[in-house]
Amino acid sequence: MNDDITLTLTSDEIAMLVDALEVDLEGYLESSKEAKSSGNRDEMKTFNDAATRIQTLMAKLQEYVPE
């Protein structure tokens, strides 16, 4: 499913979303490390895939966050 959604957000709201995504990203990266150390490759791949998707979304949003 690839439906586009149009939202109107302030730069502060986008910055809040980016901050929340950063926390989620850290959690997925940590979970990936734990899965790797326990030898669970399927979980490691799942967590890495989630982290990649979060990074992609963050990159899209960060261009709207003022420096």
Protein backbone atom coordinates (compact mmCIF):
# COMPACT_ATOMS: atom_id res chain seq x y z
CA MET A 1 0.00 0.00 0.00
CA ASN A 2 1.50 3.31 -1.02
CA ASP A 3 -1.20 5.94 -0.47
CA ASP A 4 0.01 9.51 -0.20
CA ILE A 5 -1.33 11.58 2.69
CA THR A 6 -1.14 15.34 2.89
CA LEU A 7 -0.61 16.88 6.34
CA THR A 8 0.02 20.40 7.46
CA LEU A 9 2.57 20.52 10.27
CA THR A 10 4.65 23.26 11.83
CA SER A 11 8.42 22.94 11.83
CA ASP A 12 8.23 22.42 15.61
CA GLU A 13 5.84 19.49 15.13
CA ILE A 14 8.13 17.95 12.54
CA ALA A 15 11.09 18.39 14.89
CA MET A 16 9.10 16.54 17.58
CA LEU A 17 8.44 13.69 15.16
CA VAL A 18 12.11 13.50 14.21
CA ASP A 19 13.08 13.40 17.91
CA ALA A 20 10.61 10.56 18.54
CA LEU A 21 11.90 8.66 15.51
CA GLU A 22 15.47 9.02 16.80
CA VAL A 23 14.44 7.33 20.05
CA ASP A 24 12.71 4.54 18.12
CA LEU A 25 15.76 4.15 15.89
CA GLU A 26 18.04 3.75 18.91
CA GLY A 27 15.72 1.06 20.28
CA TYR A 28 15.70 -0.90 17.03
CA LEU A 29 19.48 -0.66 16.68
CA GLU A 30 19.95 -1.88 20.25
CA SER A 31 17.50 -4.74 19.66
CA SER A 32 19.38 -5.66 16.51
CA LYS A 33 22.65 -5.86 18.46
CA GLU A 34 21.01 -8.07 21.09
CA ALA A 35 19.55 -10.35 18.41
CA LYS A 36 22.95 -10.59 16.74
CA SER A 37 24.69 -11.50 19.99
CA SER A 38 22.12 -14.23 20.65
CA GLY A 39 22.47 -15.56 17.10
CA ASN A 40 18.91 -14.76 16.05
CA ARG A 41 19.43 -13.68 12.45
CA ASP A 42 15.73 -13.37 11.62
CA GLU A 43 15.13 -10.89 14.42
CA MET A 44 18.33 -9.03 13.57
CA LYS A 45 17.14 -8.61 9.98
CA THR A 46 13.69 -7.47 11.13
CA PHE A 47 15.17 -4.84 13.46
CA ASN A 48 17.67 -3.69 10.83
CA ASP A 49 14.88 -3.33 8.26
CA ALA A 50 12.83 -1.27 10.71
CA ALA A 51 15.85 0.93 11.47
CA THR A 52 16.43 1.52 7.76
CA ARG A 53 12.80 2.53 7.24
CA ILE A 54 12.99 4.93 10.19
CA GLN A 55 16.21 6.47 8.84
CA THR A 56 14.56 6.97 5.45
CA LEU A 57 11.56 8.70 7.01
CA MET A 58 13.79 10.85 9.21
CA ALA A 59 15.76 12.00 6.17
CA LYS A 60 12.54 13.09 4.48
CA LEU A 61 11.42 15.03 7.54
CA GLN A 62 14.74 16.61 8.50
CA GLU A 63 14.79 18.86 5.46
CA TYR A 64 11.81 20.67 7.03
CA VAL A 65 13.43 21.17 10.42
CA PRO A 66 15.18 24.53 10.74
CA GLU A 67 18.84 24.38 11.73
